[in-house]
Amino acid sequence: MKWNEAYYSWTNKTIWSRIDKALINIHWYEVFDFIQNQYLTNGLSDHTPMMIQFPTSSKPQGKFQFCKMWCKHPDFNKRVDSAIPPFTANPLNQLRTTMIKLRSLLSRVHRDKYAGLRIQQELARGELTKIQQQLKRKKLEIGILTSFHQA
């Protein structure tokens, strides 16, 4: 495991030694090969505290989610066909290229055509609630009027 900061982990003020270590197994290392062991300052102790660090990495690219509603877009088939490149010798490379192109094309369609769906949904839900409240009041008024006429 990589380390940074102080090299020595123990001292009696005369002798300095690296006796404290962090141990990890092979499975941990295979998954977290980028971690580092950081030696902190001694403070009042003769041992140096250690801290396992997960260094920050660049932000991973967002996940792509296919939306079924895109299939209903009139240009969907044409856009998918335009993303498929002509046959190449390496089918895996062709698939990778196709997926990259499709991702950008479909993301653009989503941004242009469907970006405000959540806002539209909230507005429609608010309008529906308002109409239902009005209907409830109307029914209540009609119920009061009919009971008044029957009396």
Protein backbone atom coordinates (compact mmCIF):
# COMPACT_ATOMS: atom_id res chain seq x y z
CA MET A 1 0.00 0.00 0.00
CA LYS A 2 1.31 3.45 -0.84
CA TRP A 3 2.10 5.85 1.99
CA ASN A 4 2.72 9.56 2.33
CA GLU A 5 3.91 12.07 4.94
CA ALA A 6 6.21 10.79 7.71
CA TYR A 7 8.23 7.66 7.04
CA TYR A 8 8.70 6.67 10.68
CA SER A 9 5.76 5.60 12.82
CA TRP A 10 7.34 5.28 16.29
CA THR A 11 9.91 7.19 18.28
CA ASN A 12 11.29 7.33 21.80
CA LYS A 13 12.84 10.73 20.94
CA THR A 14 16.20 9.05 20.29
CA ILE A 15 15.37 6.16 18.00
CA TRP A 16 13.01 6.45 15.07
CA SER A 17 11.47 3.31 13.59
CA ARG A 18 8.77 2.24 11.21
CA ILE A 19 7.15 -0.45 13.34
CA ASP A 20 3.48 0.44 12.79
CA LYS A 21 1.96 -0.70 9.53
CA ALA A 22 -1.48 -1.07 8.01
CA LEU A 23 -2.27 -4.50 6.59
CA ILE A 24 -4.68 -5.28 3.78
CA ASN A 25 -5.43 -8.51 1.98
CA ILE A 26 -5.21 -9.17 -1.74
CA HIS A 27 -8.99 -8.84 -2.26
CA TRP A 28 -9.00 -5.40 -0.65
CA TYR A 29 -6.01 -4.34 -2.76
CA GLU A 30 -7.63 -5.55 -6.00
CA VAL A 31 -10.67 -3.36 -5.34
CA PHE A 32 -8.98 -0.40 -3.67
CA ASP A 33 -5.52 -0.27 -5.26
CA PHE A 34 -5.55 3.54 -5.18
CA ILE A 35 -5.74 3.97 -1.39
CA GLN A 36 -2.88 5.46 0.61
CA ASN A 37 -1.70 5.16 4.19
CA GLN A 38 -1.13 8.62 5.64
CA TYR A 39 1.00 8.99 8.75
CA LEU A 40 -0.26 11.88 10.89
CA THR A 41 1.74 13.84 13.47
CA ASN A 42 2.66 12.13 16.74
CA GLY A 43 1.03 14.58 19.09
CA LEU A 44 1.64 13.41 22.69
CA SER A 45 2.05 9.74 21.77
CA ASP A 46 5.24 7.98 20.78
CA HIS A 47 3.31 6.28 17.96
CA THR A 48 2.25 8.05 14.80
CA PRO A 49 -1.46 7.66 14.05
CA MET A 50 -2.26 6.29 10.61
CA MET A 51 -5.20 7.10 8.42
CA ILE A 52 -6.25 5.21 5.30
CA GLN A 53 -7.03 7.76 2.59
CA PHE A 54 -9.18 7.42 -0.48
CA PRO A 55 -7.72 10.11 -2.74
CA THR A 56 -10.24 12.12 -4.69
CA SER A 57 -10.44 11.24 -8.32
CA SER A 58 -12.01 13.01 -11.21
CA LYS A 59 -15.79 12.83 -11.24
CA PRO A 60 -16.95 9.74 -13.10
CA GLN A 61 -19.15 10.28 -16.09
CA GLY A 62 -22.84 10.07 -15.27
CA LYS A 63 -24.71 6.88 -15.94
CA PHE A 64 -26.81 6.66 -19.06
CA GLN A 65 -30.42 5.57 -18.70
CA PHE A 66 -32.53 4.70 -21.71
CA CYS A 67 -36.01 6.23 -21.64
CA LYS A 68 -38.71 4.26 -23.43
CA MET A 69 -40.49 7.49 -24.40
CA TRP A 70 -37.66 8.26 -26.83
CA CYS A 71 -38.92 5.42 -29.06
CA LYS A 72 -42.11 7.43 -29.66
CA HIS A 73 -40.15 10.41 -31.00
CA PRO A 74 -40.76 10.72 -34.77
CA ASP A 75 -37.02 10.90 -35.58
CA PHE A 76 -35.96 8.07 -33.25
CA ASN A 77 -35.29 5.40 -35.91
CA LYS A 78 -33.55 7.86 -38.21
CA ARG A 79 -31.28 9.05 -35.39
CA VAL A 80 -30.41 5.51 -34.31
CA ASP A 81 -29.61 4.55 -37.91
CA SER A 82 -27.36 7.60 -38.29
CA ALA A 83 -25.39 6.58 -35.18
CA ILE A 84 -24.49 3.14 -36.56
CA PRO A 85 -21.18 3.42 -38.43
CA PRO A 86 -20.35 1.36 -41.50
CA PHE A 87 -18.91 -2.10 -40.86
CA THR A 88 -15.39 -2.14 -39.43
CA ALA A 89 -12.92 -4.94 -38.90
CA ASN A 90 -13.22 -4.75 -35.13
CA PRO A 91 -16.84 -5.38 -34.03
CA LEU A 92 -16.12 -4.44 -30.42
CA ASN A 93 -14.74 -1.08 -31.50
CA GLN A 94 -17.78 -0.59 -33.75
CA LEU A 95 -20.12 -1.31 -30.83
CA ARG A 96 -18.23 1.14 -28.61
CA THR A 97 -18.38 3.87 -31.26
CA THR A 98 -22.09 3.25 -31.82
CA MET A 99 -22.86 3.45 -28.10
CA ILE A 100 -20.94 6.71 -27.71
CA LYS A 101 -22.77 8.28 -30.67
CA LEU A 102 -26.16 7.00 -29.48
CA ARG A 103 -25.59 8.37 -26.02
CA SER A 104 -24.88 11.86 -27.29
CA LEU A 105 -27.74 11.79 -29.84
CA LEU A 106 -30.34 10.53 -27.37
CA SER A 107 -29.15 12.90 -24.65
CA ARG A 108 -29.57 15.78 -27.10
CA VAL A 109 -33.11 14.60 -27.98
CA HIS A 110 -33.94 14.39 -24.29
CA ARG A 111 -32.54 17.83 -23.57
CA ASP A 112 -34.34 19.44 -26.53
CA LYS A 113 -37.70 17.67 -26.34
CA TYR A 114 -38.25 16.24 -22.85
CA ALA A 115 -36.12 18.35 -20.49
CA GLY A 116 -39.04 20.10 -18.74
CA LEU A 117 -41.16 17.01 -18.10
CA ARG A 118 -40.81 17.12 -14.33
CA ILE A 119 -41.84 20.78 -14.21
CA GLN A 120 -44.75 20.06 -16.57
CA GLN A 121 -45.77 17.13 -14.36
CA GLU A 122 -45.72 19.28 -11.21
CA LEU A 123 -47.76 22.02 -12.93
CA ALA A 124 -50.30 19.48 -14.18
CA ARG A 125 -50.54 17.90 -10.72
CA GLY A 126 -51.14 21.34 -9.17
CA GLU A 127 -53.81 22.12 -11.77
CA LEU A 128 -55.49 18.75 -11.15
CA THR A 129 -55.53 19.36 -7.39
CA LYS A 130 -57.06 22.80 -7.93
CA ILE A 131 -59.78 21.40 -10.23
CA GLN A 132 -60.56 18.57 -7.80
CA GLN A 133 -60.94 21.07 -4.96
CA GLN A 134 -63.29 23.17 -7.11
CA LEU A 135 -65.36 20.08 -7.95
CA LYS A 136 -65.53 19.14 -4.29
CA ARG A 137 -66.81 22.64 -3.45
CA LYS A 138 -69.35 22.48 -6.29
CA LYS A 139 -70.62 19.09 -5.09
CA LEU A 140 -70.85 20.46 -1.57
CA GLU A 141 -72.78 23.51 -2.83
CA ILE A 142 -75.11 21.31 -4.91
CA GLY A 143 -75.65 19.01 -1.93
CA ILE A 144 -76.55 21.98 0.29
CA LEU A 145 -78.92 23.36 -2.37
CA THR A 146 -80.73 20.03 -2.87
CA SER A 147 -81.13 19.50 0.87
CA PHE A 148 -82.39 23.09 1.16
CA HIS A 149 -84.95 22.52 -1.65
CA GLN A 150 -86.11 19.22 -0.10
CA ALA A 151 -86.74 20.88 3.26
